[in-house]
Amino acid sequence: MNGPDCELPAHETLFAAALYLATNYAKTGCPLLCRMVMRQLACIQHHPDPSVPPHLRETCRKLREEWERIGIERAAALHEANVAEREAAGPLH
């Protein structure tokens, strides 16, 4: 998607992809999917097509902020779970 010969897909396609990824994140909690949702939303927000409605761009900006918060909270929860698991396992020797 970078370079002069590459174009972004239509914003409708990016939005459909974001919904698909968000649905799969809800099923799995995978941090990679969270980052992919944020990327899709950023692509819509900054899409070069002037027909992308301003309210859609603003909504994507706000949603991206929410997904960033979700990602941070999920990462913290995973870290806490890993620490608790290691503590419960006891010393390595």
C-alpha atoms as a PDB file:
ATOM      1  CA  MET A   1       0.000   0.000   0.000  1.00  0.00           C
ATOM      2  CA  ASN A   2       2.997   2.298  -0.212  1.00  0.00           C
ATOM      3  CA  GLY A   3       4.505   3.812  -3.297  1.00  0.00           C
ATOM      4  CA  PRO A   4       3.185   5.510  -6.412  1.00  0.00           C
ATOM      5  CA  ASP A   5       1.770   2.360  -8.025  1.00  0.00           C
ATOM      6  CA  CYS A   6      -0.121   1.218  -4.952  1.00  0.00           C
ATOM      7  CA  GLU A   7      -3.524   2.534  -3.997  1.00  0.00           C
ATOM      8  CA  LEU A   8      -5.535   2.093  -0.850  1.00  0.00           C
ATOM      9  CA  PRO A   9      -8.666  -0.002  -1.219  1.00  0.00           C
ATOM     10  CA  ALA A  10     -11.968   1.838  -1.115  1.00  0.00           C
ATOM     11  CA  HIS A  11     -12.853   3.133   2.337  1.00  0.00           C
ATOM     12  CA  GLU A  12     -15.883   0.814   2.360  1.00  0.00           C
ATOM     13  CA  THR A  13     -13.570  -2.172   1.906  1.00  0.00           C
ATOM     14  CA  LEU A  14     -11.308  -0.964   4.717  1.00  0.00           C
ATOM     15  CA  PHE A  15     -14.335  -0.516   6.969  1.00  0.00           C
ATOM     16  CA  ALA A  16     -15.559  -4.041   6.206  1.00  0.00           C
ATOM     17  CA  ALA A  17     -12.077  -5.370   7.012  1.00  0.00           C
ATOM     18  CA  ALA A  18     -12.031  -3.447  10.295  1.00  0.00           C
ATOM     19  CA  LEU A  19     -15.373  -4.980  11.292  1.00  0.00           C
ATOM     20  CA  TYR A  20     -14.132  -8.464  10.386  1.00  0.00           C
ATOM     21  CA  LEU A  21     -10.937  -7.985  12.406  1.00  0.00           C
ATOM     22  CA  ALA A  22     -12.818  -6.517  15.381  1.00  0.00           C
ATOM     23  CA  THR A  23     -15.174  -9.505  15.383  1.00  0.00           C
ATOM     24  CA  ASN A  24     -12.246 -11.906  15.425  1.00  0.00           C
ATOM     25  CA  TYR A  25     -10.551  -9.901  18.167  1.00  0.00           C
ATOM     26  CA  ALA A  26     -13.719 -10.279  20.255  1.00  0.00           C
ATOM     27  CA  LYS A  27     -13.445 -14.047  19.804  1.00  0.00           C
ATOM     28  CA  THR A  28      -9.716 -14.391  20.493  1.00  0.00           C
ATOM     29  CA  GLY A  29      -8.345 -11.300  22.254  1.00  0.00           C
ATOM     30  CA  CYS A  30      -5.296 -11.520  19.981  1.00  0.00           C
ATOM     31  CA  PRO A  31      -3.133  -8.366  20.356  1.00  0.00           C
ATOM     32  CA  LEU A  32      -2.128  -8.520  16.680  1.00  0.00           C
ATOM     33  CA  LEU A  33      -5.774  -8.254  15.645  1.00  0.00           C
ATOM     34  CA  CYS A  34      -6.156  -5.206  17.876  1.00  0.00           C
ATOM     35  CA  ARG A  35      -3.245  -3.515  16.096  1.00  0.00           C
ATOM     36  CA  MET A  36      -4.712  -4.485  12.720  1.00  0.00           C
ATOM     37  CA  VAL A  37      -8.064  -2.916  13.619  1.00  0.00           C
ATOM     38  CA  MET A  38      -6.251   0.292  14.571  1.00  0.00           C
ATOM     39  CA  ARG A  39      -4.382   0.252  11.257  1.00  0.00           C
ATOM     40  CA  GLN A  40      -7.596  -0.153   9.254  1.00  0.00           C
ATOM     41  CA  LEU A  41      -9.226   2.705  11.146  1.00  0.00           C
ATOM     42  CA  ALA A  42      -6.186   4.928  10.557  1.00  0.00           C
ATOM     43  CA  CYS A  43      -6.268   4.109   6.839  1.00  0.00           C
ATOM     44  CA  ILE A  44      -9.912   5.191   6.657  1.00  0.00           C
ATOM     45  CA  GLN A  45      -9.248   8.329   8.704  1.00  0.00           C
ATOM     46  CA  HIS A  46      -6.399   9.418   6.403  1.00  0.00           C
ATOM     47  CA  HIS A  47      -7.791   8.008   3.146  1.00  0.00           C
ATOM     48  CA  PRO A  48      -6.923  10.238   0.176  1.00  0.00           C
ATOM     49  CA  ASP A  49     -10.403   9.886  -1.384  1.00  0.00           C
ATOM     50  CA  PRO A  50     -12.243  13.175  -0.831  1.00  0.00           C
ATOM     51  CA  SER A  51     -15.588  11.361  -0.858  1.00  0.00           C
ATOM     52  CA  VAL A  52     -14.883   9.850   2.575  1.00  0.00           C
ATOM     53  CA  PRO A  53     -17.348  11.734   4.783  1.00  0.00           C
ATOM     54  CA  PRO A  54     -15.791  13.917   7.493  1.00  0.00           C
ATOM     55  CA  HIS A  55     -17.976  12.299  10.156  1.00  0.00           C
ATOM     56  CA  LEU A  56     -16.589   8.880   9.165  1.00  0.00           C
ATOM     57  CA  ARG A  57     -13.025  10.165   9.464  1.00  0.00           C
ATOM     58  CA  GLU A  58     -13.798  11.619  12.902  1.00  0.00           C
ATOM     59  CA  THR A  59     -15.521   8.422  14.013  1.00  0.00           C
ATOM     60  CA  CYS A  60     -12.500   6.382  12.926  1.00  0.00           C
ATOM     61  CA  ARG A  61     -10.220   8.731  14.874  1.00  0.00           C
ATOM     62  CA  LYS A  62     -12.282   8.250  18.024  1.00  0.00           C
ATOM     63  CA  LEU A  63     -12.540   4.500  17.522  1.00  0.00           C
ATOM     64  CA  ARG A  64      -8.798   4.271  17.002  1.00  0.00           C
ATOM     65  CA  GLU A  65      -8.264   5.978  20.354  1.00  0.00           C
ATOM     66  CA  GLU A  66     -10.618   3.452  21.960  1.00  0.00           C
ATOM     67  CA  TRP A  67      -8.840   0.521  20.323  1.00  0.00           C
ATOM     68  CA  GLU A  68      -5.510   1.892  21.530  1.00  0.00           C
ATOM     69  CA  ARG A  69      -6.908   1.949  25.071  1.00  0.00           C
ATOM     70  CA  ILE A  70      -8.237  -1.593  24.635  1.00  0.00           C
ATOM     71  CA  GLY A  71      -4.832  -2.749  23.404  1.00  0.00           C
ATOM     72  CA  ILE A  72      -3.019  -1.173  26.350  1.00  0.00           C
ATOM     73  CA  GLU A  73      -5.449  -2.674  28.851  1.00  0.00           C
ATOM     74  CA  ARG A  74      -5.220  -6.107  27.204  1.00  0.00           C
ATOM     75  CA  ALA A  75      -1.413  -6.005  27.191  1.00  0.00           C
ATOM     76  CA  ALA A  76      -1.379  -5.063  30.888  1.00  0.00           C
ATOM     77  CA  ALA A  77      -3.792  -7.892  31.718  1.00  0.00           C
ATOM     78  CA  LEU A  78      -1.673 -10.409  29.787  1.00  0.00           C
ATOM     79  CA  HIS A  79       1.457  -9.198  31.563  1.00  0.00           C
ATOM     80  CA  GLU A  80      -0.199  -9.541  34.970  1.00  0.00           C
ATOM     81  CA  ALA A  81      -1.400 -13.040  34.092  1.00  0.00           C
ATOM     82  CA  ASN A  82       2.109 -14.057  33.008  1.00  0.00           C
ATOM     83  CA  VAL A  83       3.665 -12.683  36.200  1.00  0.00           C
ATOM     84  CA  ALA A  84       1.080 -14.478  38.349  1.00  0.00           C
ATOM     85  CA  GLU A  85       1.672 -17.729  36.446  1.00  0.00           C
ATOM     86  CA  ARG A  86       5.445 -17.502  36.973  1.00  0.00           C
ATOM     87  CA  GLU A  87       5.010 -16.728  40.669  1.00  0.00           C
ATOM     88  CA  ALA A  88       2.654 -19.669  41.075  1.00  0.00           C
ATOM     89  CA  ALA A  89       5.126 -21.978  39.351  1.00  0.00           C
ATOM     90  CA  GLY A  90       7.773 -21.202  41.963  1.00  0.00           C
ATOM     91  CA  PRO A  91      11.551 -21.195  41.515  1.00  0.00           C
ATOM     92  CA  LEU A  92      13.042 -22.680  38.380  1.00  0.00           C
ATOM     93  CA  HIS A  93      15.466 -25.016  40.186  1.00  0.00           C
END
